[in-house]
Amino acid sequence: MIDEIKVSFIETVKKLEDRLRKETGDPNFSILDEAEGARVLYVALAGEHSIIPAAKIFNKAGENWTLSLFEASNYGYFTGQIDKANKIVERILKEARRLGVEVFGYSRVWTRV
């Protein structure tokens, strides 16, 4: 099941990438997912509305970044359940370490790895 979700997400990101190549006129515009060694890991909220603006900024700035397949809706924080919030952050931090990035961020939270 997880693999099917991952494949679907990657297909969606590739469609966004194609759309943004046409929109920006940049044939090299890319949204990499789970790229090891990138400097920045961006963990988007659910939906293209949080991926597109960040992708435009990162690409325009020439940033070496990658998109996480996790989403950053940390409901532990929203509901005041700090133990659950910390588990979600730990999961994202583990992914950041696996990918070898320097920093990761989501929403308004940015952290050095």
PDB file of N, CA and C in Angstrom:
ATOM      1  N   MET A   1       0.827  -1.203   0.000  1.00  0.00           N
ATOM      2  CA  MET A   1       0.000   0.000   0.000  1.00  0.00           C
ATOM      3  C   MET A   1       0.866   1.259   0.000  1.00  0.00           C
ATOM      4  N   ILE A   2       1.884   1.307   0.866  1.00  0.00           N
ATOM      5  CA  ILE A   2       2.757   2.474   0.938  1.00  0.00           C
ATOM      6  C   ILE A   2       3.445   2.710  -0.400  1.00  0.00           C
ATOM      7  N   ASP A   3       3.911   1.628  -1.041  1.00  0.00           N
ATOM      8  CA  ASP A   3       4.578   1.769  -2.336  1.00  0.00           C
ATOM      9  C   ASP A   3       3.650   2.360  -3.387  1.00  0.00           C
ATOM     10  N   GLU A   4       2.378   1.981  -3.363  1.00  0.00           N
ATOM     11  CA  GLU A   4       1.411   2.524  -4.317  1.00  0.00           C
ATOM     12  C   GLU A   4       1.195   4.015  -4.091  1.00  0.00           C
ATOM     13  N   ILE A   5       1.130   4.413  -2.821  1.00  0.00           N
ATOM     14  CA  ILE A   5       0.966   5.824  -2.485  1.00  0.00           C
ATOM     15  C   ILE A   5       2.195   6.612  -2.946  1.00  0.00           C
ATOM     16  N   LYS A   6       3.376   6.041  -2.707  1.00  0.00           N
ATOM     17  CA  LYS A   6       4.622   6.692  -3.096  1.00  0.00           C
ATOM     18  C   LYS A   6       4.684   6.876  -4.616  1.00  0.00           C
ATOM     19  N   VAL A   7       4.327   5.844  -5.370  1.00  0.00           N
ATOM     20  CA  VAL A   7       4.335   5.924  -6.834  1.00  0.00           C
ATOM     21  C   VAL A   7       3.352   7.001  -7.304  1.00  0.00           C
ATOM     22  N   SER A   8       2.188   7.037  -6.707  1.00  0.00           N
ATOM     23  CA  SER A   8       1.186   8.035  -7.068  1.00  0.00           C
ATOM     24  C   SER A   8       1.686   9.449  -6.774  1.00  0.00           C
ATOM     25  N   PHE A   9       2.318   9.632  -5.623  1.00  0.00           N
ATOM     26  CA  PHE A   9       2.851  10.944  -5.256  1.00  0.00           C
ATOM     27  C   PHE A   9       3.920  11.384  -6.250  1.00  0.00           C
ATOM     28  N   ILE A  10       4.826  10.479  -6.597  1.00  0.00           N
ATOM     29  CA  ILE A  10       5.904  10.794  -7.533  1.00  0.00           C
ATOM     30  C   ILE A  10       5.334  11.163  -8.901  1.00  0.00           C
ATOM     31  N   GLU A  11       4.311  10.430  -9.361  1.00  0.00           N
ATOM     32  CA  GLU A  11       3.669  10.760 -10.633  1.00  0.00           C
ATOM     33  C   GLU A  11       3.062  12.164 -10.598  1.00  0.00           C
ATOM     34  N   THR A  12       2.430  12.494  -9.475  1.00  0.00           N
ATOM     35  CA  THR A  12       1.832  13.817  -9.312  1.00  0.00           C
ATOM     36  C   THR A  12       2.902  14.899  -9.353  1.00  0.00           C
ATOM     37  N   VAL A  13       4.020  14.664  -8.668  1.00  0.00           N
ATOM     38  CA  VAL A  13       5.116  15.638  -8.647  1.00  0.00           C
ATOM     39  C   VAL A  13       5.693  15.818 -10.045  1.00  0.00           C
ATOM     40  N   LYS A  14       5.827  14.747 -10.803  1.00  0.00           N
ATOM     41  CA  LYS A  14       6.355  14.857 -12.173  1.00  0.00           C
ATOM     42  C   LYS A  14       5.421  15.680 -13.055  1.00  0.00           C
ATOM     43  N   LYS A  15       4.116  15.539 -12.863  1.00  0.00           N
ATOM     44  CA  LYS A  15       3.154  16.356 -13.618  1.00  0.00           C
ATOM     45  C   LYS A  15       3.291  17.828 -13.236  1.00  0.00           C
ATOM     46  N   LEU A  16       3.469  18.094 -11.944  1.00  0.00           N
ATOM     47  CA  LEU A  16       3.694  19.472 -11.505  1.00  0.00           C
ATOM     48  C   LEU A  16       4.963  20.036 -12.124  1.00  0.00           C
ATOM     49  N   GLU A  17       5.999  19.216 -12.144  1.00  0.00           N
ATOM     50  CA  GLU A  17       7.276  19.616 -12.723  1.00  0.00           C
ATOM     51  C   GLU A  17       7.103  19.989 -14.200  1.00  0.00           C
ATOM     52  N   ASP A  18       6.414  19.165 -14.958  1.00  0.00           N
ATOM     53  CA  ASP A  18       6.166  19.450 -16.380  1.00  0.00           C
ATOM     54  C   ASP A  18       5.382  20.753 -16.542  1.00  0.00           C
ATOM     55  N   ARG A  19       4.367  20.922 -15.709  1.00  0.00           N
ATOM     56  CA  ARG A  19       3.544  22.131 -15.762  1.00  0.00           C
ATOM     57  C   ARG A  19       4.386  23.375 -15.465  1.00  0.00           C
ATOM     58  N   LEU A  20       5.267  23.269 -14.473  1.00  0.00           N
ATOM     59  CA  LEU A  20       6.092  24.415 -14.099  1.00  0.00           C
ATOM     60  C   LEU A  20       7.190  24.691 -15.122  1.00  0.00           C
ATOM     61  N   ARG A  21       7.647  23.682 -15.831  1.00  0.00           N
ATOM     62  CA  ARG A  21       8.602  23.915 -16.918  1.00  0.00           C
ATOM     63  C   ARG A  21       7.962  24.783 -17.994  1.00  0.00           C
ATOM     64  N   LYS A  22       6.713  24.460 -18.339  1.00  0.00           N
ATOM     65  CA  LYS A  22       5.993  25.243 -19.347  1.00  0.00           C
ATOM     66  C   LYS A  22       5.693  26.643 -18.822  1.00  0.00           C
ATOM     67  N   GLU A  23       5.228  26.711 -17.585  1.00  0.00           N
ATOM     68  CA  GLU A  23       4.835  27.999 -16.991  1.00  0.00           C
ATOM     69  C   GLU A  23       6.018  28.954 -16.853  1.00  0.00           C
ATOM     70  N   THR A  24       7.165  28.433 -16.445  1.00  0.00           N
ATOM     71  CA  THR A  24       8.331  29.292 -16.208  1.00  0.00           C
ATOM     72  C   THR A  24       9.205  29.454 -17.448  1.00  0.00           C
ATOM     73  N   GLY A  25       9.022  28.585 -18.430  1.00  0.00           N
ATOM     74  CA  GLY A  25       9.874  28.616 -19.611  1.00  0.00           C
ATOM     75  C   GLY A  25      11.257  28.046 -19.352  1.00  0.00           C
ATOM     76  N   ASP A  26      11.429  27.396 -18.219  1.00  0.00           N
ATOM     77  CA  ASP A  26      12.720  26.818 -17.841  1.00  0.00           C
ATOM     78  C   ASP A  26      12.684  25.315 -18.094  1.00  0.00           C
ATOM     79  N   PRO A  27      13.359  24.841 -19.148  1.00  0.00           N
ATOM     80  CA  PRO A  27      13.335  23.404 -19.457  1.00  0.00           C
ATOM     81  C   PRO A  27      14.069  22.555 -18.414  1.00  0.00           C
ATOM     82  N   ASN A  28      14.858  23.206 -17.555  1.00  0.00           N
ATOM     83  CA  ASN A  28      15.604  22.483 -16.521  1.00  0.00           C
ATOM     84  C   ASN A  28      14.923  22.518 -15.155  1.00  0.00           C
ATOM     85  N   PHE A  29      13.736  23.109 -15.082  1.00  0.00           N
ATOM     86  CA  PHE A  29      13.016  23.202 -13.813  1.00  0.00           C
ATOM     87  C   PHE A  29      12.801  21.791 -13.268  1.00  0.00           C
ATOM     88  N   SER A  30      13.171  21.595 -12.012  1.00  0.00           N
ATOM     89  CA  SER A  30      12.992  20.248 -11.469  1.00  0.00           C
ATOM     90  C   SER A  30      12.490  20.273 -10.037  1.00  0.00           C
ATOM     91  N   ILE A  31      11.752  19.244  -9.725  1.00  0.00           N
ATOM     92  CA  ILE A  31      11.313  18.967  -8.363  1.00  0.00           C
ATOM     93  C   ILE A  31      11.801  17.555  -8.066  1.00  0.00           C
ATOM     94  N   LEU A  32      12.924  17.464  -7.400  1.00  0.00           N
ATOM     95  CA  LEU A  32      13.483  16.150  -7.085  1.00  0.00           C
ATOM     96  C   LEU A  32      12.841  15.613  -5.821  1.00  0.00           C
ATOM     97  N   ASP A  33      12.589  14.338  -5.800  1.00  0.00           N
ATOM     98  CA  ASP A  33      12.040  13.729  -4.598  1.00  0.00           C
ATOM     99  C   ASP A  33      13.038  12.731  -4.039  1.00  0.00           C
ATOM    100  N   GLU A  34      13.282  12.853  -2.768  1.00  0.00           N
ATOM    101  CA  GLU A  34      14.199  11.982  -2.024  1.00  0.00           C
ATOM    102  C   GLU A  34      15.608  11.931  -2.638  1.00  0.00           C
ATOM    103  N   ALA A  35      16.110  13.081  -3.088  1.00  0.00           N
ATOM    104  CA  ALA A  35      17.437  13.134  -3.684  1.00  0.00           C
ATOM    105  C   ALA A  35      18.494  13.198  -2.578  1.00  0.00           C
ATOM    106  N   GLU A  36      19.329  12.193  -2.529  1.00  0.00           N
ATOM    107  CA  GLU A  36      20.383  12.157  -1.519  1.00  0.00           C
ATOM    108  C   GLU A  36      21.425  13.224  -1.805  1.00  0.00           C
ATOM    109  N   GLY A  37      21.932  13.844  -0.746  1.00  0.00           N
ATOM    110  CA  GLY A  37      22.994  14.818  -0.862  1.00  0.00           C
ATOM    111  C   GLY A  37      22.550  16.234  -1.154  1.00  0.00           C
ATOM    112  N   ALA A  38      21.249  16.473  -1.276  1.00  0.00           N
ATOM    113  CA  ALA A  38      20.774  17.848  -1.468  1.00  0.00           C
ATOM    114  C   ALA A  38      21.077  18.645  -0.200  1.00  0.00           C
ATOM    115  N   ARG A  39      21.196  19.954  -0.318  1.00  0.00           N
ATOM    116  CA  ARG A  39      21.458  20.779   0.856  1.00  0.00           C
ATOM    117  C   ARG A  39      20.207  20.947   1.714  1.00  0.00           C
ATOM    118  N   VAL A  40      19.048  21.074   1.057  1.00  0.00           N
ATOM    119  CA  VAL A  40      17.798  21.361   1.757  1.00  0.00           C
ATOM    120  C   VAL A  40      16.773  20.263   1.485  1.00  0.00           C
ATOM    121  N   LEU A  41      16.131  19.816   2.536  1.00  0.00           N
ATOM    122  CA  LEU A  41      14.985  18.904   2.416  1.00  0.00           C
ATOM    123  C   LEU A  41      13.741  19.720   2.735  1.00  0.00           C
ATOM    124  N   TYR A  42      12.846  19.852   1.763  1.00  0.00           N
ATOM    125  CA  TYR A  42      11.592  20.569   1.973  1.00  0.00           C
ATOM    126  C   TYR A  42      10.490  19.550   2.200  1.00  0.00           C
ATOM    127  N   VAL A  43       9.805  19.693   3.315  1.00  0.00           N
ATOM    128  CA  VAL A  43       8.706  18.803   3.666  1.00  0.00           C
ATOM    129  C   VAL A  43       7.424  19.615   3.507  1.00  0.00           C
ATOM    130  N   ALA A  44       6.725  19.380   2.421  1.00  0.00           N
ATOM    131  CA  ALA A  44       5.557  20.196   2.079  1.00  0.00           C
ATOM    132  C   ALA A  44       4.331  19.787   2.876  1.00  0.00           C
ATOM    133  N   LEU A  45       3.450  20.744   3.081  1.00  0.00           N
ATOM    134  CA  LEU A  45       2.126  20.410   3.576  1.00  0.00           C
ATOM    135  C   LEU A  45       1.429  19.653   2.457  1.00  0.00           C
ATOM    136  N   ALA A  46       0.322  19.029   2.736  1.00  0.00           N
ATOM    137  CA  ALA A  46      -0.381  18.250   1.724  1.00  0.00           C
ATOM    138  C   ALA A  46      -0.891  19.154   0.611  1.00  0.00           C
ATOM    139  N   GLY A  47      -0.581  18.792  -0.621  1.00  0.00           N
ATOM    140  CA  GLY A  47      -1.148  19.490  -1.759  1.00  0.00           C
ATOM    141  C   GLY A  47      -0.164  20.341  -2.524  1.00  0.00           C
ATOM    142  N   GLU A  48      -0.504  20.535  -3.789  1.00  0.00           N
ATOM    143  CA  GLU A  48       0.372  21.291  -4.677  1.00  0.00           C
ATOM    144  C   GLU A  48       0.486  22.745  -4.265  1.00  0.00           C
ATOM    145  N   HIS A  49      -0.497  23.268  -3.524  1.00  0.00           N
ATOM    146  CA  HIS A  49      -0.443  24.668  -3.095  1.00  0.00           C
ATOM    147  C   HIS A  49       0.765  24.955  -2.203  1.00  0.00           C
ATOM    148  N   SER A  50       1.315  23.939  -1.574  1.00  0.00           N
ATOM    149  CA  SER A  50       2.510  24.158  -0.748  1.00  0.00           C
ATOM    150  C   SER A  50       3.793  23.726  -1.458  1.00  0.00           C
ATOM    151  N   ILE A  51       3.664  22.970  -2.543  1.00  0.00           N
ATOM    152  CA  ILE A  51       4.848  22.527  -3.286  1.00  0.00           C
ATOM    153  C   ILE A  51       5.257  23.569  -4.324  1.00  0.00           C
ATOM    154  N   ILE A  52       4.291  24.090  -5.074  1.00  0.00           N
ATOM    155  CA  ILE A  52       4.590  24.977  -6.201  1.00  0.00           C
ATOM    156  C   ILE A  52       5.347  26.249  -5.783  1.00  0.00           C
ATOM    157  N   PRO A  53       4.879  26.998  -4.778  1.00  0.00           N
ATOM    158  CA  PRO A  53       5.627  28.213  -4.427  1.00  0.00           C
ATOM    159  C   PRO A  53       7.061  27.918  -3.983  1.00  0.00           C
ATOM    160  N   ALA A  54       7.237  26.897  -3.170  1.00  0.00           N
ATOM    161  CA  ALA A  54       8.579  26.544  -2.704  1.00  0.00           C
ATOM    162  C   ALA A  54       9.456  26.105  -3.869  1.00  0.00           C
ATOM    163  N   ALA A  55       8.907  25.310  -4.776  1.00  0.00           N
ATOM    164  CA  ALA A  55       9.673  24.847  -5.942  1.00  0.00           C
ATOM    165  C   ALA A  55      10.124  26.032  -6.793  1.00  0.00           C
ATOM    166  N   LYS A  56       9.242  27.001  -6.993  1.00  0.00           N
ATOM    167  CA  LYS A  56       9.609  28.189  -7.775  1.00  0.00           C
ATOM    168  C   LYS A  56      10.738  28.961  -7.096  1.00  0.00           C
ATOM    169  N   ILE A  57      10.626  29.139  -5.794  1.00  0.00           N
ATOM    170  CA  ILE A  57      11.649  29.894  -5.053  1.00  0.00           C
ATOM    171  C   ILE A  57      12.980  29.157  -5.069  1.00  0.00           C
ATOM    172  N   PHE A  58      12.960  27.868  -4.737  1.00  0.00           N
ATOM    173  CA  PHE A  58      14.203  27.096  -4.692  1.00  0.00           C
ATOM    174  C   PHE A  58      14.886  27.057  -6.065  1.00  0.00           C
ATOM    175  N   ASN A  59      14.104  26.847  -7.113  1.00  0.00           N
ATOM    176  CA  ASN A  59      14.684  26.787  -8.460  1.00  0.00           C
ATOM    177  C   ASN A  59      15.233  28.147  -8.892  1.00  0.00           C
ATOM    178  N   LYS A  60      14.495  29.200  -8.650  1.00  0.00           N
ATOM    179  CA  LYS A  60      14.944  30.543  -9.023  1.00  0.00           C
ATOM    180  C   LYS A  60      16.229  30.910  -8.276  1.00  0.00           C
ATOM    181  N   ALA A  61      16.317  30.478  -7.014  1.00  0.00           N
ATOM    182  CA  ALA A  61      17.494  30.784  -6.194  1.00  0.00           C
ATOM    183  C   ALA A  61      18.677  29.871  -6.503  1.00  0.00           C
ATOM    184  N   GLY A  62      18.440  28.832  -7.297  1.00  0.00           N
ATOM    185  CA  GLY A  62      19.510  27.887  -7.615  1.00  0.00           C
ATOM    186  C   GLY A  62      19.866  26.995  -6.435  1.00  0.00           C
ATOM    187  N   GLU A  63      18.919  26.816  -5.531  1.00  0.00           N
ATOM    188  CA  GLU A  63      19.158  26.004  -4.340  1.00  0.00           C
ATOM    189  C   GLU A  63      19.200  24.521  -4.692  1.00  0.00           C
ATOM    190  N   ASN A  64      20.074  23.800  -4.038  1.00  0.00           N
ATOM    191  CA  ASN A  64      20.155  22.343  -4.169  1.00  0.00           C
ATOM    192  C   ASN A  64      19.194  21.756  -3.137  1.00  0.00           C
ATOM    193  N   TRP A  65      18.011  21.386  -3.589  1.00  0.00           N
ATOM    194  CA  TRP A  65      16.964  20.961  -2.664  1.00  0.00           C
ATOM    195  C   TRP A  65      16.297  19.694  -3.150  1.00  0.00           C
ATOM    196  N   THR A  66      15.585  19.077  -2.245  1.00  0.00           N
ATOM    197  CA  THR A  66      14.801  17.895  -2.573  1.00  0.00           C
ATOM    198  C   THR A  66      13.485  17.945  -1.820  1.00  0.00           C
ATOM    199  N   LEU A  67      12.512  17.272  -2.342  1.00  0.00           N
ATOM    200  CA  LEU A  67      11.177  17.220  -1.754  1.00  0.00           C
ATOM    201  C   LEU A  67      11.016  15.924  -0.993  1.00  0.00           C
ATOM    202  N   SER A  68      10.533  16.033   0.219  1.00  0.00           N
ATOM    203  CA  SER A  68      10.271  14.850   1.019  1.00  0.00           C
ATOM    204  C   SER A  68       8.957  14.203   0.593  1.00  0.00           C
ATOM    205  N   LEU A  69       8.894  12.900   0.707  1.00  0.00           N
ATOM    206  CA  LEU A  69       7.636  12.209   0.439  1.00  0.00           C
ATOM    207  C   LEU A  69       6.741  12.200   1.673  1.00  0.00           C
ATOM    208  N   PHE A  70       7.277  12.673   2.805  1.00  0.00           N
ATOM    209  CA  PHE A  70       6.440  12.871   3.985  1.00  0.00           C
ATOM    210  C   PHE A  70       5.700  14.183   3.814  1.00  0.00           C
ATOM    211  N   GLU A  71       4.579  14.323   4.474  1.00  0.00           N
ATOM    212  CA  GLU A  71       3.938  15.626   4.522  1.00  0.00           C
ATOM    213  C   GLU A  71       4.074  16.160   5.934  1.00  0.00           C
ATOM    214  N   ALA A  72       3.974  17.459   6.092  1.00  0.00           N
ATOM    215  CA  ALA A  72       4.305  18.079   7.363  1.00  0.00           C
ATOM    216  C   ALA A  72       3.117  18.579   8.156  1.00  0.00           C
ATOM    217  N   SER A  73       1.993  17.976   7.992  1.00  0.00           N
ATOM    218  CA  SER A  73       0.858  18.359   8.824  1.00  0.00           C
ATOM    219  C   SER A  73       1.061  17.703  10.186  1.00  0.00           C
ATOM    220  N   ASN A  74       1.668  18.431  11.102  1.00  0.00           N
ATOM    221  CA  ASN A  74       2.000  17.864  12.406  1.00  0.00           C
ATOM    222  C   ASN A  74       0.854  18.126  13.378  1.00  0.00           C
ATOM    223  N   TYR A  75      -0.104  17.221  13.379  1.00  0.00           N
ATOM    224  CA  TYR A  75      -1.294  17.386  14.202  1.00  0.00           C
ATOM    225  C   TYR A  75      -0.994  17.253  15.685  1.00  0.00           C
ATOM    226  N   GLY A  76       0.158  16.687  16.033  1.00  0.00           N
ATOM    227  CA  GLY A  76       0.562  16.654  17.436  1.00  0.00           C
ATOM    228  C   GLY A  76       0.690  18.063  17.987  1.00  0.00           C
ATOM    229  N   TYR A  77       1.284  18.962  17.202  1.00  0.00           N
ATOM    230  CA  TYR A  77       1.404  20.358  17.631  1.00  0.00           C
ATOM    231  C   TYR A  77       0.041  21.033  17.680  1.00  0.00           C
ATOM    232  N   PHE A  78      -0.782  20.780  16.655  1.00  0.00           N
ATOM    233  CA  PHE A  78      -2.088  21.436  16.598  1.00  0.00           C
ATOM    234  C   PHE A  78      -2.969  21.068  17.778  1.00  0.00           C
ATOM    235  N   THR A  79      -2.827  19.833  18.258  1.00  0.00           N
ATOM    236  CA  THR A  79      -3.678  19.358  19.347  1.00  0.00           C
ATOM    237  C   THR A  79      -2.995  19.421  20.705  1.00  0.00           C
ATOM    238  N   GLY A  80      -1.773  19.939  20.744  1.00  0.00           N
ATOM    239  CA  GLY A  80      -1.066  20.073  22.011  1.00  0.00           C
ATOM    240  C   GLY A  80      -0.497  18.775  22.552  1.00  0.00           C
ATOM    241  N   GLN A  81      -0.353  17.767  21.695  1.00  0.00           N
ATOM    242  CA  GLN A  81       0.193  16.476  22.123  1.00  0.00           C
ATOM    243  C   GLN A  81       1.674  16.445  21.748  1.00  0.00           C
ATOM    244  N   ILE A  82       2.485  16.985  22.623  1.00  0.00           N
ATOM    245  CA  ILE A  82       3.903  17.175  22.339  1.00  0.00           C
ATOM    246  C   ILE A  82       4.608  15.854  22.060  1.00  0.00           C
ATOM    247  N   ASP A  83       4.242  14.779  22.754  1.00  0.00           N
ATOM    248  CA  ASP A  83       4.886  13.482  22.502  1.00  0.00           C
ATOM    249  C   ASP A  83       4.648  13.026  21.067  1.00  0.00           C
ATOM    250  N   LYS A  84       3.432  13.200  20.561  1.00  0.00           N
ATOM    251  CA  LYS A  84       3.129  12.828  19.174  1.00  0.00           C
ATOM    252  C   LYS A  84       3.819  13.782  18.198  1.00  0.00           C
ATOM    253  N   ALA A  85       3.841  15.053  18.517  1.00  0.00           N
ATOM    254  CA  ALA A  85       4.512  16.026  17.664  1.00  0.00           C
ATOM    255  C   ALA A  85       5.994  15.690  17.553  1.00  0.00           C
ATOM    256  N   ASN A  86       6.614  15.336  18.653  1.00  0.00           N
ATOM    257  CA  ASN A  86       8.031  14.985  18.640  1.00  0.00           C
ATOM    258  C   ASN A  86       8.297  13.728  17.814  1.00  0.00           C
ATOM    259  N   LYS A  87       7.386  12.764  17.850  1.00  0.00           N
ATOM    260  CA  LYS A  87       7.553  11.551  17.033  1.00  0.00           C
ATOM    261  C   LYS A  87       7.544  11.890  15.547  1.00  0.00           C
ATOM    262  N   ILE A  88       6.667  12.799  15.151  1.00  0.00           N
ATOM    263  CA  ILE A  88       6.594  13.195  13.744  1.00  0.00           C
ATOM    264  C   ILE A  88       7.876  13.921  13.338  1.00  0.00           C
ATOM    265  N   VAL A  89       8.343  14.820  14.178  1.00  0.00           N
ATOM    266  CA  VAL A  89       9.581  15.541  13.882  1.00  0.00           C
ATOM    267  C   VAL A  89      10.755  14.569  13.817  1.00  0.00           C
ATOM    268  N   GLU A  90      10.794  13.607  14.715  1.00  0.00           N
ATOM    269  CA  GLU A  90      11.872  12.606  14.693  1.00  0.00           C
ATOM    270  C   GLU A  90      11.856  11.802  13.397  1.00  0.00           C
ATOM    271  N   ARG A  91      10.669  11.474  12.901  1.00  0.00           N
ATOM    272  CA  ARG A  91      10.556  10.735  11.645  1.00  0.00           C
ATOM    273  C   ARG A  91      11.123  11.555  10.486  1.00  0.00           C
ATOM    274  N   ILE A  92      10.811  12.844  10.469  1.00  0.00           N
ATOM    275  CA  ILE A  92      11.321  13.721   9.417  1.00  0.00           C
ATOM    276  C   ILE A  92      12.829  13.907   9.571  1.00  0.00           C
ATOM    277  N   LEU A  93      13.303  14.055  10.800  1.00  0.00           N
ATOM    278  CA  LEU A  93      14.736  14.200  11.047  1.00  0.00           C
ATOM    279  C   LEU A  93      15.494  12.949  10.609  1.00  0.00           C
ATOM    280  N   LYS A  94      14.931  11.789  10.856  1.00  0.00           N
ATOM    281  CA  LYS A  94      15.546  10.532  10.416  1.00  0.00           C
ATOM    282  C   LYS A  94      15.669  10.509   8.888  1.00  0.00           C
ATOM    283  N   GLU A  95      14.633  10.969   8.208  1.00  0.00           N
ATOM    284  CA  GLU A  95      14.653  11.039   6.742  1.00  0.00           C
ATOM    285  C   GLU A  95      15.717  12.031   6.271  1.00  0.00           C
ATOM    286  N   ALA A  96      15.810  13.167   6.947  1.00  0.00           N
ATOM    287  CA  ALA A  96      16.824  14.171   6.594  1.00  0.00           C
ATOM    288  C   ALA A  96      18.226  13.591   6.740  1.00  0.00           C
ATOM    289  N   ARG A  97      18.447  12.857   7.800  1.00  0.00           N
ATOM    290  CA  ARG A  97      19.760  12.238   8.004  1.00  0.00           C
ATOM    291  C   ARG A  97      20.034  11.166   6.951  1.00  0.00           C
ATOM    292  N   ARG A  98      19.015  10.390   6.612  1.00  0.00           N
ATOM    293  CA  ARG A  98      19.166   9.349   5.591  1.00  0.00           C
ATOM    294  C   ARG A  98      19.580   9.960   4.257  1.00  0.00           C
ATOM    295  N   LEU A  99      18.985  11.093   3.926  1.00  0.00           N
ATOM    296  CA  LEU A  99      19.272  11.756   2.658  1.00  0.00           C
ATOM    297  C   LEU A  99      20.555  12.589   2.701  1.00  0.00           C
ATOM    298  N   GLY A 100      21.064  12.848   3.889  1.00  0.00           N
ATOM    299  CA  GLY A 100      22.314  13.585   4.020  1.00  0.00           C
ATOM    300  C   GLY A 100      22.190  15.075   3.750  1.00  0.00           C
ATOM    301  N   VAL A 101      21.042  15.659   4.101  1.00  0.00           N
ATOM    302  CA  VAL A 101      20.847  17.090   3.884  1.00  0.00           C
ATOM    303  C   VAL A 101      21.412  17.899   5.048  1.00  0.00           C
ATOM    304  N   GLU A 102      21.610  19.192   4.818  1.00  0.00           N
ATOM    305  CA  GLU A 102      22.095  20.089   5.875  1.00  0.00           C
ATOM    306  C   GLU A 102      20.954  20.637   6.720  1.00  0.00           C
ATOM    307  N   VAL A 103      19.858  21.010   6.054  1.00  0.00           N
ATOM    308  CA  VAL A 103      18.712  21.588   6.758  1.00  0.00           C
ATOM    309  C   VAL A 103      17.431  20.985   6.198  1.00  0.00           C
ATOM    310  N   PHE A 104      16.398  20.981   7.041  1.00  0.00           N
ATOM    311  CA  PHE A 104      15.080  20.593   6.544  1.00  0.00           C
ATOM    312  C   PHE A 104      14.076  21.594   7.064  1.00  0.00           C
ATOM    313  N   GLY A 105      12.996  21.724   6.331  1.00  0.00           N
ATOM    314  CA  GLY A 105      11.991  22.667   6.756  1.00  0.00           C
ATOM    315  C   GLY A 105      10.613  22.312   6.264  1.00  0.00           C
ATOM    316  N   TYR A 106       9.661  22.780   7.037  1.00  0.00           N
ATOM    317  CA  TYR A 106       8.254  22.651   6.663  1.00  0.00           C
ATOM    318  C   TYR A 106       7.492  23.778   7.310  1.00  0.00           C
ATOM    319  N   SER A 107       6.483  24.221   6.619  1.00  0.00           N
ATOM    320  CA  SER A 107       5.670  25.332   7.086  1.00  0.00           C
ATOM    321  C   SER A 107       6.592  26.466   7.514  1.00  0.00           C
ATOM    322  N   ARG A 108       6.613  26.818   8.779  1.00  0.00           N
ATOM    323  CA  ARG A 108       7.492  27.891   9.257  1.00  0.00           C
ATOM    324  C   ARG A 108       8.623  27.367  10.118  1.00  0.00           C
ATOM    325  N   VAL A 109       8.857  26.071  10.098  1.00  0.00           N
ATOM    326  CA  VAL A 109       9.876  25.466  10.944  1.00  0.00           C
ATOM    327  C   VAL A 109      11.052  25.020  10.083  1.00  0.00           C
ATOM    328  N   TRP A 110      12.245  25.544  10.358  1.00  0.00           N
ATOM    329  CA  TRP A 110      13.461  25.153   9.654  1.00  0.00           C
ATOM    330  C   TRP A 110      14.490  24.737  10.670  1.00  0.00           C
ATOM    331  N   THR A 111      15.175  23.617  10.411  1.00  0.00           N
ATOM    332  CA  THR A 111      16.090  23.037  11.379  1.00  0.00           C
ATOM    333  C   THR A 111      17.358  22.545  10.705  1.00  0.00           C
ATOM    334  N   ARG A 112      18.497  22.788  11.335  1.00  0.00           N
ATOM    335  CA  ARG A 112      19.752  22.184  10.883  1.00  0.00           C
ATOM    336  C   ARG A 112      19.760  20.728  11.300  1.00  0.00           C
ATOM    337  N   VAL A 113      20.282  19.863  10.435  1.00  0.00           N
ATOM    338  CA  VAL A 113      20.328  18.429  10.749  1.00  0.00           C
ATOM    339  C   VAL A 113      21.518  18.147  11.617  1.00  0.00           C
TER     340      VAL A 113
END
